[in-house]
Amino acid sequence: MNTEITGILLMYALVVLLAIPLGRYIGKIFTKEKTFLDGLFDPIDKLFYRISGIDPNSEMNWKQHLSALLTINVVWFLISMFVLTNMSWLPLNPDNNPSMSGDLAFNTAVSFVTNTNLQHYSGESGLSYLGQLTLMLWQFISAGCGIAIAGMVFLAMKERTADKLGNFYFLFIRTCTRVLFPIAVVVASLLAFNGTPMTFEGKDPITTLQGDKVEVSRGPVAGFVAIKQLGTNGGGFFGPNSAHPLENPNYFTNIVETVSIMLIPIAMVFAMGYVLRRKKLAWTIFGVMTVGFLLLLTPTVINEINGNPAIEKMGIAQNLGSMEGKEVRFGPAASAYWAINTTVTSNGSVNAMHDSLTPLSGMNTMLGMMVNAFYGGVGVGFLNFYIFIILAVFISGLMVGRTPEFLGKKIEAREMKIAMIIALLHPFLILVGTAISSYMVAHNPDEYGSWLNNPGFHGFSEMLYEFTSSSANNGSGFEGLADNNPFWNIACGIVMLMARYLPIIGPVAIAGSLAAKKYIPESAGTLKTDTATFGLMVFAVIAIVAALSFFPALALGPIAEYFSL
């Protein structure tokens, strides 16, 4: 067997083996059970509660959960804007990097607060160390918010009638101190011991083997990279992201970072099963997600190993596969595996340039973000999948002539209206944004044509990818697009805001509404939602509602490019 394929199998097996016990551990945190880290972190939690005046035992309804989440996100956004627009005179700036312009700071602040980490700047030259540390803090906060609000939805899904659904601050703080922080310390340590810098010193002047004198950027990289991967934040300390040799030095660090990307998203599925005491449902959901993941992964790996058809027609051998835009230390298979990992989750980090992927591989990365529910981001990925569950239950109920029920609660018109609005929001944001940008380029190429380094089908794909990444809170890009300008900074910022908070508000409102309804015990006529048949129904809904919405746009971009080679 190809050793690169063996590496992929190893990484996937490792992430699943770690995610199952981690899911059980996260489930215990949500249900207030004792964990082995309580003795260490309980005093820290109590300090946070005391300083902020929070009563962690005060139960909240779903509206109060949302109010808490949105309020603190606004505060963090304003702090981030201040730091980014004033970095030049603030401390921890040994390389004297400049402050950001208003539109770029808006895009960056929105990007990190919303767990997107879309970067229209190059990290080593665009941020001071204080700016990097500020964004690193938001990577903990945004991930913690996503996990905490998913925990509230898990509690709402329990088979009971309830208005009070835990405490958001309790779930948020325990998520940060007991899940994100300790695992990030482990990952950062592994990276630091394998060559990733962790320092506050400025650029390091060195002399190359040619005798050239260069200054190598460095900084607190290991800490930044650890949480960017674990929190499905993405982004990068350096411009090339995890393709940079200091951010991802070797194949071992590549394994560590790749496993980190999907660890918590998969663990959240098993955490749901633990909270609800429904392991079979968790495995059904995991199975649907995995089938979708494999359908995107398999052709992508094959395409990249086989090489680029255009180069093959030139008579050039591609013994290593399609290596344009890829690092030799990883190879095409591991790069393809990362590309799908990072786009089926909302991670968005890269260890190869997605702009250089073969056309159908690029299409698969976009499809992962367009579906936005195969594992997905930490916490919020499950919320997206929850919408498809609601739709599948409703459609299944109509097909068999019964009132749709999910976990003992009737799904009625109100829940369906919310679910459909959220399901259609994602295609709306992506397709409208792409249409506007395409119109501007087509009707004023002298002014806006400079956005695109690649005209034609691939140029269209670059714009489609950018809005897809923004709407999926992903952050990766086809970097042939010149995106650091007012249009892209502001347009993508607006899309990121709408695509982050509305898909949180919708599922939380549905979960809160269902939780308050009368619980109906399971009977012989109850639709079973933990079976392969129902899993197939959910997959069909995802394919029809999500994937097919984008087929015309994909036909104009990567599919047309493929047939033009």
Protein backbone atom coordinates (compact mmCIF):
# COMPACT_ATOMS: atom_id res chain seq x y z
CA MET A 1 0.00 0.00 0.00
CA ASN A 2 1.18 3.52 -0.81
CA THR A 3 2.84 4.87 2.35
CA GLU A 4 0.99 8.17 1.90
CA ILE A 5 -2.34 6.31 2.07
CA THR A 6 -1.12 4.51 5.18
CA GLY A 7 -0.45 7.91 6.72
CA ILE A 8 -4.01 9.03 5.98
CA LEU A 9 -5.49 5.88 7.53
CA LEU A 10 -3.28 6.36 10.60
CA MET A 11 -4.37 9.95 11.09
CA TYR A 12 -8.07 9.18 10.73
CA ALA A 13 -7.93 6.14 13.02
CA LEU A 14 -6.03 8.18 15.60
CA VAL A 15 -8.56 11.03 15.61
CA VAL A 16 -11.52 8.66 16.05
CA LEU A 17 -9.79 6.72 18.85
CA LEU A 18 -9.11 9.97 20.69
CA ALA A 19 -12.50 11.55 19.95
CA ILE A 20 -14.60 8.81 21.54
CA PRO A 21 -13.22 9.17 25.10
CA LEU A 22 -12.94 12.95 24.65
CA GLY A 23 -16.64 13.06 23.74
CA ARG A 24 -17.51 11.19 26.92
CA TYR A 25 -15.36 13.64 28.90
CA ILE A 26 -17.05 16.69 27.29
CA GLY A 27 -20.45 15.11 28.01
CA LYS A 28 -19.52 14.89 31.69
CA ILE A 29 -18.61 18.57 31.68
CA PHE A 30 -22.00 19.49 30.22
CA THR A 31 -23.88 17.35 32.77
CA LYS A 32 -21.86 18.69 35.73
CA GLU A 33 -20.31 15.33 36.54
CA LYS A 34 -16.93 15.09 38.20
CA THR A 35 -13.85 14.91 35.97
CA PHE A 36 -10.20 14.26 36.74
CA LEU A 37 -9.26 17.92 36.10
CA ASP A 38 -11.74 19.39 38.61
CA GLY A 39 -9.19 19.60 41.41
CA LEU A 40 -6.85 21.65 39.24
CA PHE A 41 -9.34 23.95 37.52
CA ASP A 42 -12.17 24.41 40.04
CA PRO A 43 -10.27 27.21 41.87
CA ILE A 44 -9.61 28.96 38.54
CA ASP A 45 -13.28 28.68 37.56
CA LYS A 46 -14.36 30.11 40.90
CA LEU A 47 -11.96 33.02 40.45
CA PHE A 48 -13.55 33.86 37.08
CA TYR A 49 -17.03 33.66 38.61
CA ARG A 50 -16.03 35.87 41.55
CA ILE A 51 -14.38 38.54 39.38
CA SER A 52 -17.27 38.70 36.91
CA GLY A 53 -20.06 38.34 39.46
CA ILE A 54 -21.50 35.28 37.73
CA ASP A 55 -23.62 32.71 39.51
CA PRO A 56 -22.89 29.47 37.62
CA ASN A 57 -25.88 27.76 39.24
CA SER A 58 -28.38 30.27 37.85
CA GLU A 59 -30.31 28.50 35.10
CA MET A 60 -30.97 30.32 31.79
CA ASN A 61 -33.58 29.89 29.09
CA TRP A 62 -32.50 29.78 25.43
CA LYS A 63 -32.97 33.52 24.93
CA GLN A 64 -30.70 34.30 27.88
CA HIS A 65 -28.05 31.94 26.47
CA LEU A 66 -28.12 33.82 23.17
CA SER A 67 -28.08 37.19 24.89
CA ALA A 68 -24.99 36.23 26.89
CA LEU A 69 -23.18 34.91 23.81
CA LEU A 70 -23.96 37.92 21.61
CA THR A 71 -23.17 40.50 24.31
CA ILE A 72 -19.72 39.21 25.11
CA ASN A 73 -18.93 38.77 21.41
CA VAL A 74 -19.66 42.47 20.84
CA VAL A 75 -17.29 43.40 23.67
CA TRP A 76 -14.52 41.18 22.27
CA PHE A 77 -15.03 42.65 18.80
CA LEU A 78 -14.57 46.22 20.05
CA ILE A 79 -11.42 45.29 21.98
CA SER A 80 -10.02 43.56 18.92
CA MET A 81 -10.71 46.61 16.72
CA PHE A 82 -8.84 48.84 19.16
CA VAL A 83 -5.76 46.61 19.26
CA LEU A 84 -5.58 46.03 15.50
CA THR A 85 -5.89 49.73 14.61
CA ASN A 86 -3.29 50.79 17.20
CA MET A 87 -0.60 48.08 17.02
CA SER A 88 2.13 50.47 15.83
CA TRP A 89 2.39 52.21 19.23
CA LEU A 90 1.21 49.41 21.52
CA PRO A 91 3.75 47.08 23.19
CA LEU A 92 5.06 43.71 21.92
CA ASN A 93 5.95 44.97 18.46
CA PRO A 94 9.68 44.21 18.07
CA ASP A 95 9.47 44.16 14.26
CA ASN A 96 7.68 47.54 14.13
CA ASN A 97 4.76 46.25 12.09
CA PRO A 98 2.16 48.91 11.20
CA SER A 99 -1.42 49.23 12.45
CA MET A 100 -4.24 47.98 10.23
CA SER A 101 -6.51 50.18 8.16
CA GLY A 102 -10.12 50.42 9.31
CA ASP A 103 -11.60 48.10 6.69
CA LEU A 104 -8.89 45.45 7.17
CA ALA A 105 -9.22 45.65 10.96
CA PHE A 106 -13.00 45.25 10.62
CA ASN A 107 -12.55 42.17 8.45
CA THR A 108 -9.92 40.67 10.77
CA ALA A 109 -11.80 41.38 14.01
CA VAL A 110 -15.01 39.93 12.59
CA SER A 111 -13.08 37.00 11.20
CA PHE A 112 -11.57 35.92 14.51
CA VAL A 113 -14.57 36.68 16.71
CA THR A 114 -16.74 34.57 14.39
CA ASN A 115 -14.30 31.63 14.38
CA THR A 116 -13.58 32.19 10.67
CA ASN A 117 -9.97 33.43 10.70
CA LEU A 118 -10.12 34.62 7.12
CA GLN A 119 -6.87 36.52 6.67
CA HIS A 120 -6.55 39.32 4.14
CA TYR A 121 -3.06 40.05 5.51
CA SER A 122 0.20 38.16 6.03
CA GLY A 123 0.59 37.40 9.72
CA GLU A 124 4.33 37.94 10.17
CA SER A 125 4.24 41.39 8.54
CA GLY A 126 0.66 42.43 9.26
CA LEU A 127 0.47 41.93 13.03
CA SER A 128 2.51 42.75 16.11
CA TYR A 129 2.95 40.04 18.74
CA LEU A 130 0.24 41.78 20.78
CA GLY A 131 -2.04 41.53 17.77
CA GLN A 132 -1.23 37.83 17.38
CA LEU A 133 -1.85 37.18 21.09
CA THR A 134 -5.13 39.09 20.96
CA LEU A 135 -6.31 36.98 18.06
CA MET A 136 -5.06 33.85 19.82
CA LEU A 137 -7.26 34.75 22.80
CA TRP A 138 -10.25 35.13 20.47
CA GLN A 139 -9.51 31.67 19.13
CA PHE A 140 -10.15 30.28 22.61
CA ILE A 141 -13.20 32.49 23.10
CA SER A 142 -14.91 31.82 19.76
CA ALA A 143 -14.33 28.08 20.02
CA GLY A 144 -15.53 28.07 23.64
CA CYS A 145 -18.71 29.91 22.62
CA GLY A 146 -19.44 27.37 19.88
CA ILE A 147 -18.97 24.40 22.19
CA ALA A 148 -20.94 26.00 25.03
CA ILE A 149 -23.95 26.85 22.87
CA ALA A 150 -23.92 23.32 21.44
CA GLY A 151 -23.91 22.05 25.03
CA MET A 152 -27.05 24.09 25.67
CA VAL A 153 -28.71 22.48 22.61
CA PHE A 154 -27.73 19.01 23.90
CA LEU A 155 -29.41 19.80 27.22
CA ALA A 156 -32.50 21.06 25.35
CA MET A 157 -32.70 17.79 23.39
CA LYS A 158 -33.05 15.67 26.55
CA GLU A 159 -36.29 13.73 26.87
CA ARG A 160 -38.14 16.04 29.24
CA THR A 161 -40.07 19.30 29.29
CA ALA A 162 -37.87 22.19 30.40
CA ASP A 163 -37.55 25.94 30.08
CA LYS A 164 -34.26 26.34 31.93
CA LEU A 165 -31.29 24.88 30.05
CA GLY A 166 -28.16 25.31 32.12
CA ASN A 167 -25.93 28.36 32.37
CA PHE A 168 -24.01 29.68 29.35
CA TYR A 169 -21.15 31.09 31.41
CA PHE A 170 -20.74 27.81 33.27
CA LEU A 171 -20.56 25.85 30.00
CA PHE A 172 -18.27 28.42 28.40
CA ILE A 173 -15.73 28.66 31.22
CA ARG A 174 -15.58 24.91 31.81
CA THR A 175 -15.12 24.36 28.07
CA CYS A 176 -12.16 26.73 27.97
CA THR A 177 -10.46 25.54 31.16
CA ARG A 178 -11.14 21.81 30.92
CA VAL A 179 -11.14 21.13 27.17
CA LEU A 180 -9.45 23.78 25.03
CA PHE A 181 -6.67 24.94 27.34
CA PRO A 182 -5.25 21.58 28.53
CA ILE A 183 -5.32 20.00 25.05
CA ALA A 184 -3.80 23.16 23.56
CA VAL A 185 -0.93 22.96 26.07
CA VAL A 186 -0.23 19.38 24.97
CA VAL A 187 -0.37 20.23 21.25
CA ALA A 188 1.74 23.39 21.64
CA SER A 189 4.36 21.44 23.58
CA LEU A 190 4.58 18.78 20.86
CA LEU A 191 4.98 21.50 18.24
CA ALA A 192 7.58 23.45 20.22
CA PHE A 193 9.72 20.36 20.84
CA ASN A 194 9.65 19.67 17.10
CA GLY A 195 10.86 23.02 15.86
CA THR A 196 7.93 25.43 15.98
CA PRO A 197 9.07 28.75 17.55
CA MET A 198 7.67 29.98 20.86
CA THR A 199 9.39 33.27 21.62
CA PHE A 200 8.77 37.01 21.99
CA GLU A 201 12.04 38.00 20.34
CA GLY A 202 11.95 39.80 17.01
CA LYS A 203 13.22 38.67 13.62
CA ASP A 204 16.29 36.46 13.65
CA PRO A 205 19.08 37.61 11.26
CA ILE A 206 20.77 34.64 9.61
CA THR A 207 23.18 34.00 6.76
CA THR A 208 22.08 31.43 4.19
CA LEU A 209 24.31 28.81 2.56
CA GLN A 210 24.59 31.18 -0.40
CA GLY A 211 25.91 33.88 1.87
CA ASP A 212 22.76 36.01 1.69
CA LYS A 213 21.72 37.80 4.87
CA VAL A 214 18.01 37.43 5.66
CA GLU A 215 15.77 38.15 8.63
CA VAL A 216 13.52 35.25 9.63
CA SER A 217 10.21 36.07 11.30
CA ARG A 218 9.33 34.18 14.47
CA GLY A 219 7.20 34.70 17.59
CA PRO A 220 4.78 32.82 19.87
CA VAL A 221 3.91 30.46 17.02
CA ALA A 222 3.40 27.11 18.79
CA GLY A 223 0.71 28.48 21.11
CA PHE A 224 -1.10 30.17 18.24
CA VAL A 225 -1.05 27.09 16.01
CA ALA A 226 -2.28 24.73 18.74
CA ILE A 227 -5.53 26.56 19.40
CA LYS A 228 -6.08 27.50 15.77
CA GLN A 229 -6.29 23.79 14.96
CA LEU A 230 -8.13 22.56 18.05
CA GLY A 231 -10.79 25.28 17.93
CA THR A 232 -11.34 24.87 14.16
CA ASN A 233 -10.24 28.48 13.96
CA GLY A 234 -7.73 28.11 11.14
CA GLY A 235 -5.72 31.03 9.93
CA GLY A 236 -1.98 31.13 10.39
CA PHE A 237 0.77 32.92 12.25
CA PHE A 238 2.66 33.17 8.96
CA GLY A 239 1.26 34.08 5.54
CA PRO A 240 1.79 30.58 4.03
CA ASN A 241 -0.04 29.12 7.04
CA SER A 242 0.83 25.52 7.94
CA ALA A 243 2.77 25.15 4.70
CA HIS A 244 5.42 27.33 6.41
CA PRO A 245 8.34 25.24 7.75
CA LEU A 246 8.29 27.03 11.11
CA GLU A 247 4.54 26.59 11.57
CA ASN A 248 4.52 22.93 10.52
CA PRO A 249 8.12 21.66 10.41
CA ASN A 250 7.79 17.96 9.57
CA TYR A 251 5.47 15.01 8.99
CA PHE A 252 5.05 14.38 12.72
CA THR A 253 3.84 17.93 13.38
CA ASN A 254 1.61 17.53 10.31
CA ILE A 255 0.00 14.48 11.97
CA VAL A 256 -0.45 16.39 15.24
CA GLU A 257 -2.06 19.37 13.50
CA THR A 258 -4.23 17.26 11.20
CA VAL A 259 -5.58 15.18 14.08
CA SER A 260 -6.24 18.37 16.05
CA ILE A 261 -8.43 19.77 13.28
CA MET A 262 -11.15 17.10 13.54
CA LEU A 263 -10.68 15.97 17.14
CA ILE A 264 -13.25 18.16 18.90
CA PRO A 265 -15.83 18.29 16.06
CA ILE A 266 -16.04 14.48 16.09
CA ALA A 267 -15.89 14.36 19.90
CA MET A 268 -18.93 16.68 20.06
CA VAL A 269 -21.05 14.04 18.30
CA PHE A 270 -20.16 11.49 20.98
CA ALA A 271 -20.67 14.12 23.68
CA MET A 272 -24.23 14.52 22.41
CA GLY A 273 -24.72 10.76 22.67
CA TYR A 274 -23.45 10.80 26.24
CA VAL A 275 -25.64 13.72 27.35
CA LEU A 276 -28.77 12.19 25.81
CA ARG A 277 -27.81 8.62 26.73
CA ARG A 278 -28.30 7.74 23.06
CA LYS A 279 -25.09 6.19 21.78
CA LYS A 280 -26.80 4.68 18.75
CA LEU A 281 -28.03 8.11 17.63
CA ALA A 282 -24.50 9.46 18.00
CA TRP A 283 -23.11 6.65 15.85
CA THR A 284 -25.83 7.23 13.25
CA ILE A 285 -24.95 10.92 13.00
CA PHE A 286 -21.23 10.11 12.94
CA GLY A 287 -21.89 7.59 10.16
CA VAL A 288 -23.71 10.11 7.96
CA MET A 289 -20.97 12.68 8.48
CA THR A 290 -18.27 10.12 7.72
CA VAL A 291 -19.93 8.94 4.50
CA GLY A 292 -20.07 12.54 3.29
CA PHE A 293 -16.47 13.11 4.35
CA LEU A 294 -15.24 10.00 2.50
CA LEU A 295 -17.17 10.90 -0.66
CA LEU A 296 -15.24 14.17 -0.77
CA LEU A 297 -11.90 12.78 0.43
CA THR A 298 -11.50 9.72 -1.84
CA PRO A 299 -11.66 11.44 -5.26
CA THR A 300 -9.56 14.34 -3.96
CA VAL A 301 -6.72 12.06 -2.86
CA ILE A 302 -6.91 10.13 -6.14
CA ASN A 303 -6.87 13.34 -8.22
CA GLU A 304 -3.83 14.76 -6.43
CA ILE A 305 -1.87 11.49 -6.50
CA ASN A 306 -2.55 11.05 -10.24
CA GLY A 307 -1.32 14.51 -11.12
CA ASN A 308 -2.55 17.39 -13.23
CA PRO A 309 -4.04 16.39 -16.63
CA ALA A 310 -2.73 19.57 -18.26
CA ILE A 311 0.85 18.75 -17.27
CA GLU A 312 0.38 15.15 -18.36
CA LYS A 313 -0.60 16.34 -21.86
CA MET A 314 2.72 18.19 -22.02
CA GLY A 315 4.52 14.86 -21.67
CA ILE A 316 5.98 15.73 -18.26
CA ALA A 317 6.19 12.86 -15.77
CA GLN A 318 4.45 13.39 -12.44
CA ASN A 319 5.92 10.60 -10.36
CA LEU A 320 5.16 12.46 -7.14
CA GLY A 321 1.64 13.41 -8.21
CA SER A 322 0.33 16.95 -8.54
CA MET A 323 2.95 18.91 -6.59
CA GLU A 324 2.14 22.46 -7.63
CA GLY A 325 1.57 24.48 -4.47
CA LYS A 326 2.43 21.56 -2.18
CA GLU A 327 5.28 20.83 0.21
CA VAL A 328 7.56 17.87 -0.60
CA ARG A 329 7.76 16.98 3.09
CA PHE A 330 4.02 16.20 3.07
CA GLY A 331 3.27 14.99 -0.45
CA PRO A 332 0.02 15.16 -2.43
CA ALA A 333 -1.99 12.62 -0.42
CA ALA A 334 -1.43 14.19 3.00
CA SER A 335 -2.03 17.63 1.45
CA ALA A 336 -5.32 16.44 -0.07
CA TYR A 337 -6.33 14.87 3.25
CA TRP A 338 -5.66 18.14 5.06
CA ALA A 339 -7.55 20.10 2.38
CA ILE A 340 -10.73 18.07 2.94
CA ASN A 341 -10.28 17.99 6.73
CA THR A 342 -9.99 21.74 6.90
CA THR A 343 -13.01 22.41 4.67
CA VAL A 344 -15.50 19.86 6.04
CA THR A 345 -14.77 21.47 9.41
CA SER A 346 -14.71 25.25 9.71
CA ASN A 347 -10.94 25.18 10.30
CA GLY A 348 -9.62 26.74 7.13
CA SER A 349 -5.90 26.31 7.81
CA VAL A 350 -3.84 24.91 4.93
CA ASN A 351 -0.62 22.97 4.43
CA ALA A 352 -0.78 23.45 0.66
CA MET A 353 -2.20 26.14 -1.61
CA HIS A 354 -5.81 25.29 -2.45
CA ASP A 355 -5.61 27.57 -5.48
CA SER A 356 -3.24 25.00 -7.01
CA LEU A 357 -5.45 21.96 -6.48
CA THR A 358 -6.68 20.18 -9.59
CA PRO A 359 -10.15 21.50 -10.58
CA LEU A 360 -12.30 18.71 -9.14
CA SER A 361 -10.26 18.67 -5.92
CA GLY A 362 -10.90 22.38 -5.58
CA MET A 363 -14.59 21.69 -6.15
CA ASN A 364 -14.59 19.10 -3.35
CA THR A 365 -13.08 21.57 -0.90
CA MET A 366 -15.84 24.02 -1.79
CA LEU A 367 -18.50 21.34 -1.43
CA GLY A 368 -17.26 20.56 2.08
CA MET A 369 -17.86 24.20 3.01
CA MET A 370 -21.12 24.44 1.08
CA VAL A 371 -22.59 21.50 3.00
CA ASN A 372 -20.96 22.81 6.20
CA ALA A 373 -22.24 19.88 8.28
CA PHE A 374 -19.82 16.95 7.78
CA TYR A 375 -18.21 17.26 11.24
CA GLY A 376 -18.22 21.06 10.92
CA GLY A 377 -16.78 23.53 13.41
CA VAL A 378 -16.52 22.94 17.14
CA GLY A 379 -20.11 22.97 18.39
CA VAL A 380 -21.57 24.97 15.53
CA GLY A 381 -20.95 22.09 13.11
CA PHE A 382 -23.46 20.02 15.05
CA LEU A 383 -25.93 22.92 15.06
CA ASN A 384 -25.79 22.97 11.24
CA PHE A 385 -26.37 19.21 11.17
CA TYR A 386 -29.25 19.66 13.65
CA ILE A 387 -31.07 21.77 11.05
CA PHE A 388 -30.84 18.91 8.56
CA ILE A 389 -32.13 16.48 11.19
CA ILE A 390 -35.18 18.69 11.76
CA LEU A 391 -35.84 18.87 8.01
CA ALA A 392 -35.39 15.11 7.60
CA VAL A 393 -37.75 14.34 10.52
CA PHE A 394 -40.42 16.65 9.09
CA ILE A 395 -40.17 15.21 5.58
CA SER A 396 -40.16 11.63 6.92
CA GLY A 397 -43.25 12.37 9.01
CA LEU A 398 -45.10 13.66 5.97
CA MET A 399 -44.09 10.60 3.96
CA VAL A 400 -45.61 8.18 6.49
CA GLY A 401 -48.58 10.39 7.40
CA ARG A 402 -47.60 11.06 11.03
CA THR A 403 -46.95 14.21 13.03
CA PRO A 404 -43.17 14.69 12.88
CA GLU A 405 -41.50 14.03 16.24
CA PHE A 406 -37.86 14.17 17.30
CA LEU A 407 -36.81 12.80 20.69
CA GLY A 408 -40.39 12.98 21.98
CA LYS A 409 -41.16 16.53 20.78
CA LYS A 410 -43.52 17.50 17.96
CA ILE A 411 -41.97 19.53 15.13
CA GLU A 412 -44.47 22.08 13.94
CA ALA A 413 -44.67 25.03 11.55
CA ARG A 414 -42.62 27.41 13.69
CA GLU A 415 -39.63 25.08 13.90
CA MET A 416 -39.83 24.29 10.18
CA LYS A 417 -39.90 27.94 9.17
CA ILE A 418 -36.79 28.64 11.20
CA ALA A 419 -35.04 25.55 9.86
CA MET A 420 -35.74 26.44 6.23
CA ILE A 421 -34.61 30.05 6.68
CA ILE A 422 -31.30 28.86 8.14
CA ALA A 423 -30.90 26.13 5.48
CA LEU A 424 -31.40 28.67 2.67
CA LEU A 425 -29.31 31.43 4.25
CA HIS A 426 -26.01 29.72 3.42
CA PRO A 427 -26.66 29.42 -0.35
CA PHE A 428 -28.09 32.95 -0.38
CA LEU A 429 -24.98 34.54 1.12
CA ILE A 430 -22.58 32.61 -1.11
CA LEU A 431 -24.41 32.95 -4.42
CA VAL A 432 -25.48 36.58 -4.03
CA GLY A 433 -21.98 37.63 -3.00
CA THR A 434 -20.41 35.75 -5.92
CA ALA A 435 -22.96 37.20 -8.36
CA ILE A 436 -22.24 40.78 -7.24
CA SER A 437 -18.46 40.38 -7.46
CA SER A 438 -18.73 38.66 -10.86
CA TYR A 439 -20.93 41.47 -12.17
CA MET A 440 -18.40 44.07 -11.01
CA VAL A 441 -15.50 42.29 -12.74
CA ALA A 442 -17.44 41.62 -15.95
CA HIS A 443 -18.83 45.16 -16.32
CA ASN A 444 -15.79 47.13 -15.16
CA PRO A 445 -12.71 44.97 -15.80
CA ASP A 446 -10.37 47.95 -15.85
CA GLU A 447 -11.14 48.76 -12.21
CA TYR A 448 -12.02 45.38 -10.75
CA GLY A 449 -10.26 42.92 -13.07
CA SER A 450 -7.08 43.34 -11.01
CA TRP A 451 -8.74 41.27 -8.26
CA LEU A 452 -8.08 38.14 -10.30
CA ASN A 453 -4.67 36.68 -11.09
CA ASN A 454 -6.48 33.96 -13.04
CA PRO A 455 -9.17 34.94 -15.58
CA GLY A 456 -11.94 32.70 -16.86
CA PHE A 457 -13.31 29.70 -15.01
CA HIS A 458 -10.64 29.66 -12.33
CA GLY A 459 -11.08 33.36 -11.62
CA PHE A 460 -14.78 32.74 -11.05
CA SER A 461 -13.86 29.86 -8.72
CA GLU A 462 -11.60 32.20 -6.72
CA MET A 463 -14.51 34.55 -6.01
CA LEU A 464 -16.93 31.69 -5.36
CA TYR A 465 -14.44 30.13 -2.92
CA GLU A 466 -13.95 33.40 -1.03
CA PHE A 467 -17.65 33.86 -0.31
CA THR A 468 -18.08 30.15 0.40
CA SER A 469 -15.25 30.27 2.91
CA SER A 470 -16.68 33.41 4.54
CA SER A 471 -20.19 31.97 4.80
CA ALA A 472 -18.92 28.64 6.16
CA ASN A 473 -16.83 30.48 8.79
CA ASN A 474 -13.88 28.60 7.30
CA GLY A 475 -11.22 31.12 6.36
CA SER A 476 -9.23 29.29 3.68
CA GLY A 477 -8.99 30.75 0.21
CA PHE A 478 -8.01 30.40 -3.43
CA GLU A 479 -5.25 32.91 -2.89
CA GLY A 480 -5.00 34.02 -6.50
CA LEU A 481 -7.63 36.54 -5.42
CA ALA A 482 -6.42 40.02 -4.44
CA ASP A 483 -8.71 40.38 -1.44
CA ASN A 484 -7.17 43.11 0.75
CA ASN A 485 -9.28 46.00 -0.49
CA PRO A 486 -12.40 47.73 0.86
CA PHE A 487 -14.89 45.68 -1.20
CA TRP A 488 -13.65 42.25 -0.13
CA ASN A 489 -12.85 43.30 3.43
CA ILE A 490 -16.30 44.75 4.08
CA ALA A 491 -18.34 42.28 1.98
CA CYS A 492 -16.70 39.23 3.54
CA GLY A 493 -17.00 40.80 7.00
CA ILE A 494 -20.76 41.22 6.59
CA VAL A 495 -21.13 37.66 5.27
CA MET A 496 -19.09 36.26 8.18
CA LEU A 497 -21.26 38.05 10.74
CA MET A 498 -24.54 36.86 9.24
CA ALA A 499 -23.26 33.34 8.62
CA ARG A 500 -21.96 32.94 12.17
CA TYR A 501 -24.76 34.26 14.33
CA LEU A 502 -27.96 33.51 12.41
CA PRO A 503 -27.09 29.76 12.15
CA ILE A 504 -26.52 29.81 15.90
CA ILE A 505 -29.72 31.72 16.71
CA GLY A 506 -31.89 29.47 14.52
CA PRO A 507 -30.98 26.03 15.96
CA VAL A 508 -30.94 27.42 19.52
CA ALA A 509 -34.44 28.86 19.01
CA ILE A 510 -35.65 25.51 17.64
CA ALA A 511 -34.05 23.57 20.49
CA GLY A 512 -35.50 25.96 23.08
CA SER A 513 -38.94 25.76 21.52
CA LEU A 514 -38.90 21.96 21.43
CA ALA A 515 -37.57 21.71 25.00
CA ALA A 516 -40.56 23.67 26.31
CA LYS A 517 -43.06 21.36 24.60
CA LYS A 518 -44.73 18.41 26.26
CA TYR A 519 -42.63 15.28 26.13
CA ILE A 520 -44.30 12.40 24.29
CA PRO A 521 -42.97 8.95 25.27
CA GLU A 522 -41.77 6.74 22.44
CA SER A 523 -44.37 4.35 21.02
CA ALA A 524 -44.57 1.68 18.33
CA GLY A 525 -45.38 4.33 15.73
CA THR A 526 -42.55 6.69 16.67
CA LEU A 527 -40.08 7.45 13.88
CA LYS A 528 -36.74 5.89 14.80
CA THR A 529 -33.96 8.45 14.33
CA ASP A 530 -31.07 6.17 15.23
CA THR A 531 -31.31 3.82 12.26
CA ALA A 532 -29.46 3.54 8.95
CA THR A 533 -32.71 4.34 7.12
CA PHE A 534 -33.08 7.67 8.90
CA GLY A 535 -29.37 8.34 8.37
CA LEU A 536 -29.91 7.85 4.64
CA MET A 537 -32.84 10.26 4.79
CA VAL A 538 -30.71 12.93 6.45
CA PHE A 539 -27.99 12.43 3.86
CA ALA A 540 -30.55 12.81 1.06
CA VAL A 541 -31.82 16.07 2.59
CA ILE A 542 -28.26 17.39 2.83
CA ALA A 543 -27.61 16.49 -0.82
CA ILE A 544 -30.84 18.07 -2.08
CA VAL A 545 -31.01 21.21 0.07
CA ALA A 546 -27.32 22.03 0.34
CA ALA A 547 -25.21 20.47 -2.37
CA LEU A 548 -27.61 20.82 -5.34
CA SER A 549 -28.18 24.50 -4.53
CA PHE A 550 -24.62 25.14 -5.66
CA PHE A 551 -24.41 22.94 -8.75
CA PRO A 552 -24.94 25.77 -11.30
CA ALA A 553 -22.20 27.85 -9.67
CA LEU A 554 -19.83 24.88 -9.52
CA ALA A 555 -20.59 24.15 -13.19
CA LEU A 556 -19.44 27.67 -14.10
CA GLY A 557 -16.25 27.32 -12.06
CA PRO A 558 -14.32 24.13 -11.26
CA ILE A 559 -16.39 21.78 -13.45
CA ALA A 560 -15.99 24.02 -16.52
CA GLU A 561 -12.28 24.37 -15.73
CA TYR A 562 -11.91 20.58 -15.57
CA PHE A 563 -13.44 20.10 -19.03
CA SER A 564 -11.30 22.91 -20.44
CA LEU A 565 -7.99 21.24 -19.52
